[in-house]
C-alpha atoms as a PDB file:
ATOM      1  CA  MET A   1      32.220  15.876  -8.913  1.00  0.00           C
ATOM      2  CA  THR A   2      30.378  17.852  -6.314  1.00  0.00           C
ATOM      3  CA  ARG A   3      27.143  17.779  -8.330  1.00  0.00           C
ATOM      4  CA  LYS A   4      25.648  14.852 -10.228  1.00  0.00           C
ATOM      5  CA  ARG A   5      24.984  15.642 -13.875  1.00  0.00           C
ATOM      6  CA  ARG A   6      24.444  14.113 -17.276  1.00  0.00           C
ATOM      7  CA  TYR A   7      24.650  15.503 -20.828  1.00  0.00           C
ATOM      8  CA  LEU A   8      27.745  17.466 -19.801  1.00  0.00           C
ATOM      9  CA  SER A   9      30.705  18.531 -21.896  1.00  0.00           C
ATOM     10  CA  SER A  10      34.200  17.592 -20.854  1.00  0.00           C
ATOM     11  CA  VAL A  11      37.696  18.534 -21.915  1.00  0.00           C
ATOM     12  CA  ALA A  12      41.222  17.667 -20.772  1.00  0.00           C
ATOM     13  CA  LEU A  13      43.583  20.617 -20.437  1.00  0.00           C
ATOM     14  CA  SER A  14      46.960  20.910 -18.689  1.00  0.00           C
ATOM     15  CA  SER A  15      46.640  17.446 -17.103  1.00  0.00           C
ATOM     16  CA  ARG A  16      43.224  18.301 -15.629  1.00  0.00           C
ATOM     17  CA  LEU A  17      39.708  17.220 -16.583  1.00  0.00           C
ATOM     18  CA  TYR A  18      36.914  19.798 -16.777  1.00  0.00           C
ATOM     19  CA  ALA A  19      33.211  18.932 -16.431  1.00  0.00           C
ATOM     20  CA  ILE A  20      31.184  21.685 -18.077  1.00  0.00           C
ATOM     21  CA  GLY A  21      27.461  22.353 -17.766  1.00  0.00           C
ATOM     22  CA  GLY A  22      25.071  19.443 -18.175  1.00  0.00           C
ATOM     23  CA  TYR A  23      21.682  18.552 -16.771  1.00  0.00           C
ATOM     24  CA  ASP A  24      20.879  17.566 -13.163  1.00  0.00           C
ATOM     25  CA  ALA A  25      17.417  16.004 -13.810  1.00  0.00           C
ATOM     26  CA  SER A  26      15.652  19.330 -13.236  1.00  0.00           C
ATOM     27  CA  SER A  27      17.528  22.007 -15.206  1.00  0.00           C
ATOM     28  CA  ARG A  28      20.553  22.787 -17.362  1.00  0.00           C
ATOM     29  CA  LEU A  29      23.660  23.819 -15.448  1.00  0.00           C
ATOM     30  CA  ASN A  30      26.135  26.670 -15.788  1.00  0.00           C
ATOM     31  CA  THR A  31      28.631  25.079 -13.403  1.00  0.00           C
ATOM     32  CA  VAL A  32      32.205  24.101 -14.243  1.00  0.00           C
ATOM     33  CA  GLU A  33      34.255  21.678 -12.154  1.00  0.00           C
ATOM     34  CA  CYS A  34      37.904  20.690 -12.515  1.00  0.00           C
ATOM     35  CA  PHE A  35      39.458  17.345 -11.532  1.00  0.00           C
ATOM     36  CA  ASP A  36      43.144  17.317 -10.616  1.00  0.00           C
ATOM     37  CA  PRO A  37      44.482  13.744 -10.830  1.00  0.00           C
ATOM     38  CA  ILE A  38      47.515  14.598  -8.684  1.00  0.00           C
ATOM     39  CA  THR A  39      45.374  15.506  -5.673  1.00  0.00           C
ATOM     40  CA  ALA A  40      42.389  13.349  -6.778  1.00  0.00           C
ATOM     41  CA  GLN A  41      40.068  16.263  -5.946  1.00  0.00           C
ATOM     42  CA  TRP A  42      37.383  18.242  -7.764  1.00  0.00           C
ATOM     43  CA  SER A  43      37.367  22.052  -7.610  1.00  0.00           C
ATOM     44  CA  VAL A  44      34.454  24.341  -8.435  1.00  0.00           C
ATOM     45  CA  MET A  45      35.429  26.890 -11.082  1.00  0.00           C
ATOM     46  CA  THR A  46      33.839  30.188 -12.137  1.00  0.00           C
ATOM     47  CA  PRO A  47      30.371  29.419 -13.580  1.00  0.00           C
ATOM     48  CA  MET A  48      29.473  30.130 -17.190  1.00  0.00           C
ATOM     49  CA  LEU A  49      27.162  33.044 -18.014  1.00  0.00           C
ATOM     50  CA  GLN A  50      24.743  30.686 -19.812  1.00  0.00           C
ATOM     51  CA  ARG A  51      23.376  27.303 -18.776  1.00  0.00           C
ATOM     52  CA  ARG A  52      24.420  24.549 -21.192  1.00  0.00           C
ATOM     53  CA  GLY A  53      23.517  20.931 -21.760  1.00  0.00           C
ATOM     54  CA  LEU A  54      24.422  18.687 -24.692  1.00  0.00           C
ATOM     55  CA  ALA A  55      27.026  21.269 -25.753  1.00  0.00           C
ATOM     56  CA  GLY A  56      30.454  20.643 -27.221  1.00  0.00           C
ATOM     57  CA  ALA A  57      33.805  21.794 -25.833  1.00  0.00           C
ATOM     58  CA  THR A  58      37.341  21.702 -27.150  1.00  0.00           C
ATOM     59  CA  THR A  59      40.717  23.282 -26.508  1.00  0.00           C
ATOM     60  CA  LEU A  60      42.406  25.717 -28.860  1.00  0.00           C
ATOM     61  CA  ALA A  61      46.017  26.808 -28.428  1.00  0.00           C
ATOM     62  CA  GLY A  62      46.031  25.658 -24.800  1.00  0.00           C
ATOM     63  CA  THR A  63      42.821  27.418 -23.759  1.00  0.00           C
ATOM     64  CA  MET A  64      39.320  26.066 -23.177  1.00  0.00           C
ATOM     65  CA  THR A  65      36.683  27.152 -25.683  1.00  0.00           C
ATOM     66  CA  PRO A  66      33.010  26.232 -24.965  1.00  0.00           C
ATOM     67  CA  LYS A  67      30.897  25.825 -28.109  1.00  0.00           C
END
């Protein structure tokens, strides 16, 4: 990940792992990062509109749905 965090949500979708929100020891985060195991690299995705920590996330019909 490009940014250290804890209390994040994570979900696996289409062979990729997503790290969603969390807490960086000073504030909640709205960032989303995606790990591609084929390239072994993290990518920064479009941020969420709201900051989230200790949230849940799941997939529904092949799409990511933050809770």
